[in-house]
């Protein structure tokens, strides 16, 4: 990987993290008016930024955030911590198993079942009881400074919706059903705007499996 790509990877990763943090800090003190349509738009925006955290961590799992391994892993670990206290090394192991054994019984992201059964298995695979316990404790601590409605609407709900976004566009749509290609993956038709707002270009999923060393922000160039 060239130094140019590495430098841009760090800049873009920091931009995603800063955008998520800036948005969350402002939304936690935002005055909620349920009749205001912007409330619901902001929930979706925060969901998208949560997804950006995970996508950045995903890039770190492929070493594309920085050619400096320590910096790459630090940024990836920070993103998984902010997302939902995920240990990066466990996600790294499971994600590379997915790439090695895609669409087989050894693929941790694959499940024989309908959408809901697959999603439940997906969540159960990655979210552990200790994460829920720590996050619940943190929620109650944060209630000292922020209202419960803001915490639920802009911290809890977007993170949960993000898991659905990641699963639907990054796992279900690309990998359910049978495929006649070497990567066992579907891919979105070319529409860069749609591909970005749905899942940071990861709807171009065949392209990702074909070139896992391409960061999310350059993935559209492979389409």
C-alpha atoms as a PDB file:
ATOM      1  CA  UNK A   1       0.000   0.000   0.000  1.00  0.00           C
ATOM      2  CA  UNK A   2       1.338   3.405  -0.885  1.00  0.00           C
ATOM      3  CA  UNK A   3       2.007   6.098   1.663  1.00  0.00           C
ATOM      4  CA  UNK A   4      -0.578   8.288  -0.080  1.00  0.00           C
ATOM      5  CA  UNK A   5      -3.349   5.760   0.506  1.00  0.00           C
ATOM      6  CA  UNK A   6      -2.168   5.167   4.074  1.00  0.00           C
ATOM      7  CA  UNK A   7      -2.238   8.883   4.929  1.00  0.00           C
ATOM      8  CA  UNK A   8      -5.718   9.300   3.465  1.00  0.00           C
ATOM      9  CA  UNK A   9      -6.915   6.222   5.333  1.00  0.00           C
ATOM     10  CA  UNK A  10      -5.997   7.818   8.664  1.00  0.00           C
ATOM     11  CA  UNK A  11      -7.517  11.175   7.703  1.00  0.00           C
ATOM     12  CA  UNK A  12     -10.807   9.601   6.627  1.00  0.00           C
ATOM     13  CA  UNK A  13     -10.930   7.360   9.701  1.00  0.00           C
ATOM     14  CA  UNK A  14     -10.432  10.358  11.998  1.00  0.00           C
ATOM     15  CA  UNK A  15     -13.076  12.294  10.066  1.00  0.00           C
ATOM     16  CA  UNK A  16     -15.605   9.483  10.620  1.00  0.00           C
ATOM     17  CA  UNK A  17     -14.772   9.255  14.343  1.00  0.00           C
ATOM     18  CA  UNK A  18     -14.907  13.035  14.792  1.00  0.00           C
ATOM     19  CA  UNK A  19     -18.230  13.279  12.922  1.00  0.00           C
ATOM     20  CA  UNK A  20     -19.756  10.562  15.101  1.00  0.00           C
ATOM     21  CA  UNK A  21     -18.478  12.182  18.319  1.00  0.00           C
ATOM     22  CA  UNK A  22     -19.513  15.719  17.327  1.00  0.00           C
ATOM     23  CA  UNK A  23     -22.971  14.543  16.304  1.00  0.00           C
ATOM     24  CA  UNK A  24     -23.512  12.496  19.472  1.00  0.00           C
ATOM     25  CA  UNK A  25     -22.349  15.273  21.809  1.00  0.00           C
ATOM     26  CA  UNK A  26     -24.779  17.720  20.226  1.00  0.00           C
ATOM     27  CA  UNK A  27     -27.661  15.276  20.023  1.00  0.00           C
ATOM     28  CA  UNK A  28     -27.413  14.334  23.703  1.00  0.00           C
ATOM     29  CA  UNK A  29     -28.322  17.932  24.582  1.00  0.00           C
ATOM     30  CA  UNK A  30     -30.775  18.373  21.708  1.00  0.00           C
ATOM     31  CA  UNK A  31     -34.307  19.406  22.688  1.00  0.00           C
ATOM     32  CA  UNK A  32     -36.597  16.640  21.477  1.00  0.00           C
ATOM     33  CA  UNK A  33     -39.925  17.635  19.993  1.00  0.00           C
ATOM     34  CA  UNK A  34     -41.677  14.520  18.750  1.00  0.00           C
ATOM     35  CA  UNK A  35     -43.551  16.429  16.049  1.00  0.00           C
ATOM     36  CA  UNK A  36     -40.274  17.724  14.610  1.00  0.00           C
ATOM     37  CA  UNK A  37     -39.319  15.566  11.569  1.00  0.00           C
ATOM     38  CA  UNK A  38     -35.662  16.477  12.085  1.00  0.00           C
ATOM     39  CA  UNK A  39     -35.614  14.304  15.200  1.00  0.00           C
ATOM     40  CA  UNK A  40     -36.098  11.176  13.095  1.00  0.00           C
ATOM     41  CA  UNK A  41     -33.720  12.328  10.376  1.00  0.00           C
ATOM     42  CA  UNK A  42     -31.044  12.884  13.031  1.00  0.00           C
ATOM     43  CA  UNK A  43     -31.602   9.374  14.385  1.00  0.00           C
ATOM     44  CA  UNK A  44     -30.904   7.998  10.896  1.00  0.00           C
ATOM     45  CA  UNK A  45     -27.862  10.248  10.541  1.00  0.00           C
ATOM     46  CA  UNK A  46     -26.447   8.966  13.819  1.00  0.00           C
ATOM     47  CA  UNK A  47     -27.185   5.404  12.708  1.00  0.00           C
ATOM     48  CA  UNK A  48     -25.177   6.039   9.541  1.00  0.00           C
ATOM     49  CA  UNK A  49     -22.269   7.431  11.565  1.00  0.00           C
ATOM     50  CA  UNK A  50     -22.349   4.374  13.841  1.00  0.00           C
ATOM     51  CA  UNK A  51     -22.123   2.232  10.735  1.00  0.00           C
ATOM     52  CA  UNK A  52     -19.166   4.368   9.653  1.00  0.00           C
ATOM     53  CA  UNK A  53     -17.377   3.484  12.893  1.00  0.00           C
ATOM     54  CA  UNK A  54     -17.785  -0.209  12.178  1.00  0.00           C
ATOM     55  CA  UNK A  55     -16.807   0.129   8.526  1.00  0.00           C
ATOM     56  CA  UNK A  56     -13.643   1.968   9.605  1.00  0.00           C
ATOM     57  CA  UNK A  57     -12.873  -0.848  12.036  1.00  0.00           C
ATOM     58  CA  UNK A  58     -13.498  -3.295   9.196  1.00  0.00           C
ATOM     59  CA  UNK A  59     -10.910  -1.467   7.095  1.00  0.00           C
ATOM     60  CA  UNK A  60      -8.476  -1.760  10.001  1.00  0.00           C
ATOM     61  CA  UNK A  61      -9.063  -5.534  10.027  1.00  0.00           C
ATOM     62  CA  UNK A  62      -7.766  -5.527   6.452  1.00  0.00           C
ATOM     63  CA  UNK A  63      -4.882  -3.194   7.333  1.00  0.00           C
ATOM     64  CA  UNK A  64      -6.088  -0.402   5.061  1.00  0.00           C
ATOM     65  CA  UNK A  65      -6.455   2.433   7.584  1.00  0.00           C
ATOM     66  CA  UNK A  66      -2.687   2.820   7.951  1.00  0.00           C
ATOM     67  CA  UNK A  67       0.422   0.983   6.823  1.00  0.00           C
ATOM     68  CA  UNK A  68       1.673   1.539  10.391  1.00  0.00           C
ATOM     69  CA  UNK A  69       0.299  -1.589  12.069  1.00  0.00           C
ATOM     70  CA  UNK A  70       0.133  -0.108  15.567  1.00  0.00           C
ATOM     71  CA  UNK A  71      -1.719   3.000  14.372  1.00  0.00           C
ATOM     72  CA  UNK A  72      -3.983   0.910  12.146  1.00  0.00           C
ATOM     73  CA  UNK A  73      -4.944  -1.381  15.033  1.00  0.00           C
ATOM     74  CA  UNK A  74      -5.316   1.495  17.491  1.00  0.00           C
ATOM     75  CA  UNK A  75      -7.819   3.275  15.250  1.00  0.00           C
ATOM     76  CA  UNK A  76      -9.662   0.024  14.554  1.00  0.00           C
ATOM     77  CA  UNK A  77      -9.799  -0.801  18.264  1.00  0.00           C
ATOM     78  CA  UNK A  78     -11.024   2.695  19.101  1.00  0.00           C
ATOM     79  CA  UNK A  79     -13.840   2.359  16.559  1.00  0.00           C
ATOM     80  CA  UNK A  80     -15.000  -1.019  17.885  1.00  0.00           C
ATOM     81  CA  UNK A  81     -14.796   0.320  21.457  1.00  0.00           C
ATOM     82  CA  UNK A  82     -16.943   3.340  20.606  1.00  0.00           C
ATOM     83  CA  UNK A  83     -19.347   1.214  18.583  1.00  0.00           C
ATOM     84  CA  UNK A  84     -20.227  -1.319  21.281  1.00  0.00           C
ATOM     85  CA  UNK A  85     -17.105  -2.328  23.244  1.00  0.00           C
ATOM     86  CA  UNK A  86     -16.124  -5.007  20.715  1.00  0.00           C
ATOM     87  CA  UNK A  87     -12.600  -6.447  21.086  1.00  0.00           C
ATOM     88  CA  UNK A  88     -10.911  -5.864  17.709  1.00  0.00           C
ATOM     89  CA  UNK A  89      -8.899  -9.097  17.801  1.00  0.00           C
ATOM     90  CA  UNK A  90     -12.045 -11.243  18.067  1.00  0.00           C
ATOM     91  CA  UNK A  91     -13.736  -9.419  15.197  1.00  0.00           C
ATOM     92  CA  UNK A  92     -10.512  -9.734  13.202  1.00  0.00           C
ATOM     93  CA  UNK A  93     -10.463 -13.502  13.666  1.00  0.00           C
ATOM     94  CA  UNK A  94     -14.107 -14.005  12.752  1.00  0.00           C
ATOM     95  CA  UNK A  95     -14.007 -11.650   9.788  1.00  0.00           C
ATOM     96  CA  UNK A  96     -11.034 -13.384   8.218  1.00  0.00           C
ATOM     97  CA  UNK A  97     -12.753 -16.724   8.788  1.00  0.00           C
ATOM     98  CA  UNK A  98     -15.639 -15.259   6.804  1.00  0.00           C
ATOM     99  CA  UNK A  99     -13.326 -14.400   3.920  1.00  0.00           C
ATOM    100  CA  UNK A 100     -11.608 -17.808   3.975  1.00  0.00           C
ATOM    101  CA  UNK A 101     -14.801 -19.873   4.275  1.00  0.00           C
ATOM    102  CA  UNK A 102     -17.468 -17.635   2.746  1.00  0.00           C
ATOM    103  CA  UNK A 103     -20.947 -19.200   2.434  1.00  0.00           C
ATOM    104  CA  UNK A 104     -19.943 -22.440   4.199  1.00  0.00           C
ATOM    105  CA  UNK A 105     -20.600 -23.918   7.632  1.00  0.00           C
ATOM    106  CA  UNK A 106     -17.209 -22.539   8.731  1.00  0.00           C
ATOM    107  CA  UNK A 107     -18.299 -18.997   7.890  1.00  0.00           C
ATOM    108  CA  UNK A 108     -19.301 -17.253  11.182  1.00  0.00           C
ATOM    109  CA  UNK A 109     -21.409 -14.745   9.221  1.00  0.00           C
ATOM    110  CA  UNK A 110     -23.390 -17.379   7.348  1.00  0.00           C
ATOM    111  CA  UNK A 111     -26.536 -19.041   8.671  1.00  0.00           C
ATOM    112  CA  UNK A 112     -29.024 -21.494   7.187  1.00  0.00           C
ATOM    113  CA  UNK A 113     -32.333 -19.811   7.847  1.00  0.00           C
ATOM    114  CA  UNK A 114     -34.647 -16.941   7.042  1.00  0.00           C
ATOM    115  CA  UNK A 115     -33.797 -13.268   7.506  1.00  0.00           C
ATOM    116  CA  UNK A 116     -34.842 -13.037  11.153  1.00  0.00           C
ATOM    117  CA  UNK A 117     -33.164 -16.284  12.213  1.00  0.00           C
ATOM    118  CA  UNK A 118     -29.973 -15.226  10.426  1.00  0.00           C
ATOM    119  CA  UNK A 119     -30.039 -11.747  12.010  1.00  0.00           C
ATOM    120  CA  UNK A 120     -30.576 -13.224  15.492  1.00  0.00           C
ATOM    121  CA  UNK A 121     -27.647 -15.587  14.931  1.00  0.00           C
ATOM    122  CA  UNK A 122     -25.550 -12.659  13.635  1.00  0.00           C
ATOM    123  CA  UNK A 123     -26.236 -10.587  16.749  1.00  0.00           C
ATOM    124  CA  UNK A 124     -25.733 -13.557  19.078  1.00  0.00           C
ATOM    125  CA  UNK A 125     -22.369 -14.310  17.465  1.00  0.00           C
ATOM    126  CA  UNK A 126     -20.933 -10.866  18.056  1.00  0.00           C
ATOM    127  CA  UNK A 127     -22.688  -9.317  21.069  1.00  0.00           C
ATOM    128  CA  UNK A 128     -21.861 -10.894  24.443  1.00  0.00           C
ATOM    129  CA  UNK A 129     -23.506 -10.570  27.849  1.00  0.00           C
ATOM    130  CA  UNK A 130     -20.600  -8.609  29.349  1.00  0.00           C
ATOM    131  CA  UNK A 131     -20.941  -5.926  26.647  1.00  0.00           C
ATOM    132  CA  UNK A 132     -24.625  -5.510  27.477  1.00  0.00           C
ATOM    133  CA  UNK A 133     -23.821  -5.322  31.193  1.00  0.00           C
ATOM    134  CA  UNK A 134     -21.135  -2.647  30.763  1.00  0.00           C
ATOM    135  CA  UNK A 135     -23.240  -0.633  28.310  1.00  0.00           C
ATOM    136  CA  UNK A 136     -26.229  -0.765  30.679  1.00  0.00           C
ATOM    137  CA  UNK A 137     -24.008   0.460  33.518  1.00  0.00           C
ATOM    138  CA  UNK A 138     -22.643   3.244  31.329  1.00  0.00           C
ATOM    139  CA  UNK A 139     -26.195   4.206  30.320  1.00  0.00           C
ATOM    140  CA  UNK A 140     -27.169   4.667  33.963  1.00  0.00           C
ATOM    141  CA  UNK A 141     -24.037   6.713  34.662  1.00  0.00           C
ATOM    142  CA  UNK A 142     -24.689   8.964  31.672  1.00  0.00           C
ATOM    143  CA  UNK A 143     -28.214   9.635  32.978  1.00  0.00           C
ATOM    144  CA  UNK A 144     -26.548  11.823  35.611  1.00  0.00           C
ATOM    145  CA  UNK A 145     -25.762  14.394  32.891  1.00  0.00           C
ATOM    146  CA  UNK A 146     -28.145  13.644  30.021  1.00  0.00           C
ATOM    147  CA  UNK A 147     -31.866  12.967  29.776  1.00  0.00           C
ATOM    148  CA  UNK A 148     -32.931   9.355  29.349  1.00  0.00           C
ATOM    149  CA  UNK A 149     -34.936  10.124  26.207  1.00  0.00           C
ATOM    150  CA  UNK A 150     -31.878  11.626  24.471  1.00  0.00           C
ATOM    151  CA  UNK A 151     -29.693   8.685  25.468  1.00  0.00           C
ATOM    152  CA  UNK A 152     -32.222   6.180  24.152  1.00  0.00           C
ATOM    153  CA  UNK A 153     -33.030   8.059  20.962  1.00  0.00           C
ATOM    154  CA  UNK A 154     -29.547   9.161  19.910  1.00  0.00           C
ATOM    155  CA  UNK A 155     -27.197   6.667  21.582  1.00  0.00           C
ATOM    156  CA  UNK A 156     -29.040   3.362  22.006  1.00  0.00           C
ATOM    157  CA  UNK A 157     -31.455   3.323  19.054  1.00  0.00           C
ATOM    158  CA  UNK A 158     -28.922   4.367  16.349  1.00  0.00           C
ATOM    159  CA  UNK A 159     -26.443   1.727  17.465  1.00  0.00           C
ATOM    160  CA  UNK A 160     -29.112  -0.987  17.317  1.00  0.00           C
ATOM    161  CA  UNK A 161     -30.369   0.208  13.940  1.00  0.00           C
ATOM    162  CA  UNK A 162     -26.782   0.193  12.724  1.00  0.00           C
ATOM    163  CA  UNK A 163     -26.459  -3.540  13.441  1.00  0.00           C
ATOM    164  CA  UNK A 164     -29.515  -4.047  11.222  1.00  0.00           C
ATOM    165  CA  UNK A 165     -28.034  -1.802   8.523  1.00  0.00           C
ATOM    166  CA  UNK A 166     -24.712  -3.663   8.591  1.00  0.00           C
ATOM    167  CA  UNK A 167     -26.413  -7.045   8.564  1.00  0.00           C
ATOM    168  CA  UNK A 168     -28.917  -6.275   5.806  1.00  0.00           C
ATOM    169  CA  UNK A 169     -26.564  -4.534   3.361  1.00  0.00           C
ATOM    170  CA  UNK A 170     -23.276  -6.171   4.353  1.00  0.00           C
ATOM    171  CA  UNK A 171     -24.312  -9.772   5.033  1.00  0.00           C
ATOM    172  CA  UNK A 172     -27.875 -10.684   4.077  1.00  0.00           C
ATOM    173  CA  UNK A 173     -28.142  -9.035   0.664  1.00  0.00           C
ATOM    174  CA  UNK A 174     -24.691 -10.127  -0.551  1.00  0.00           C
ATOM    175  CA  UNK A 175     -24.683 -13.683   0.794  1.00  0.00           C
ATOM    176  CA  UNK A 176     -28.179 -15.138   1.036  1.00  0.00           C
ATOM    177  CA  UNK A 177     -29.214 -17.555  -1.672  1.00  0.00           C
ATOM    178  CA  UNK A 178     -26.948 -19.381  -4.084  1.00  0.00           C
ATOM    179  CA  UNK A 179     -24.300 -17.759  -6.267  1.00  0.00           C
ATOM    180  CA  UNK A 180     -22.389 -18.749  -9.371  1.00  0.00           C
ATOM    181  CA  UNK A 181     -19.150 -16.905  -8.660  1.00  0.00           C
ATOM    182  CA  UNK A 182     -15.976 -17.661  -6.744  1.00  0.00           C
ATOM    183  CA  UNK A 183     -16.780 -15.247  -3.906  1.00  0.00           C
ATOM    184  CA  UNK A 184     -20.331 -16.510  -3.318  1.00  0.00           C
ATOM    185  CA  UNK A 185     -21.528 -12.905  -3.240  1.00  0.00           C
ATOM    186  CA  UNK A 186     -24.164 -10.707  -4.791  1.00  0.00           C
ATOM    187  CA  UNK A 187     -23.399  -7.069  -5.524  1.00  0.00           C
ATOM    188  CA  UNK A 188     -25.410  -3.880  -5.973  1.00  0.00           C
ATOM    189  CA  UNK A 189     -25.870  -2.497  -9.436  1.00  0.00           C
ATOM    190  CA  UNK A 190     -23.769   0.591 -10.036  1.00  0.00           C
ATOM    191  CA  UNK A 191     -25.211   3.523  -8.107  1.00  0.00           C
ATOM    192  CA  UNK A 192     -22.555   5.227  -6.004  1.00  0.00           C
ATOM    193  CA  UNK A 193     -24.957   7.454  -4.055  1.00  0.00           C
ATOM    194  CA  UNK A 194     -27.173   4.523  -3.058  1.00  0.00           C
ATOM    195  CA  UNK A 195     -24.129   2.368  -2.309  1.00  0.00           C
ATOM    196  CA  UNK A 196     -22.713   5.020   0.033  1.00  0.00           C
ATOM    197  CA  UNK A 197     -25.845   5.876   2.005  1.00  0.00           C
ATOM    198  CA  UNK A 198     -26.825   2.226   2.466  1.00  0.00           C
ATOM    199  CA  UNK A 199     -23.512   0.866   3.746  1.00  0.00           C
ATOM    200  CA  UNK A 200     -20.429   2.869   2.710  1.00  0.00           C
ATOM    201  CA  UNK A 201     -20.142   1.075  -0.656  1.00  0.00           C
ATOM    202  CA  UNK A 202     -20.215  -2.400   0.901  1.00  0.00           C
ATOM    203  CA  UNK A 203     -23.213  -3.258  -1.224  1.00  0.00           C
ATOM    204  CA  UNK A 204     -20.482  -3.628  -3.860  1.00  0.00           C
ATOM    205  CA  UNK A 205     -19.739  -6.824  -2.032  1.00  0.00           C
ATOM    206  CA  UNK A 206     -18.322  -9.018  -4.762  1.00  0.00           C
ATOM    207  CA  UNK A 207     -15.814  -6.238  -5.381  1.00  0.00           C
ATOM    208  CA  UNK A 208     -14.848  -6.202  -1.690  1.00  0.00           C
ATOM    209  CA  UNK A 209     -14.242  -9.956  -1.626  1.00  0.00           C
ATOM    210  CA  UNK A 210     -12.314  -9.697  -4.874  1.00  0.00           C
ATOM    211  CA  UNK A 211     -10.123  -6.915  -3.470  1.00  0.00           C
ATOM    212  CA  UNK A 212     -10.253  -6.926   0.356  1.00  0.00           C
ATOM    213  CA  UNK A 213      -7.244  -4.608   0.489  1.00  0.00           C
ATOM    214  CA  UNK A 214      -9.259  -1.761  -1.043  1.00  0.00           C
ATOM    215  CA  UNK A 215     -10.571   0.652   1.637  1.00  0.00           C
ATOM    216  CA  UNK A 216     -14.263   1.509   1.709  1.00  0.00           C
ATOM    217  CA  UNK A 217     -13.758   4.984   0.277  1.00  0.00           C
ATOM    218  CA  UNK A 218     -12.067   3.605  -2.855  1.00  0.00           C
ATOM    219  CA  UNK A 219     -14.355   0.600  -3.313  1.00  0.00           C
ATOM    220  CA  UNK A 220     -16.602   2.432  -5.759  1.00  0.00           C
ATOM    221  CA  UNK A 221     -13.656   2.672  -8.165  1.00  0.00           C
ATOM    222  CA  UNK A 222     -13.735  -1.105  -8.626  1.00  0.00           C
ATOM    223  CA  UNK A 223     -17.343  -1.112  -9.792  1.00  0.00           C
END
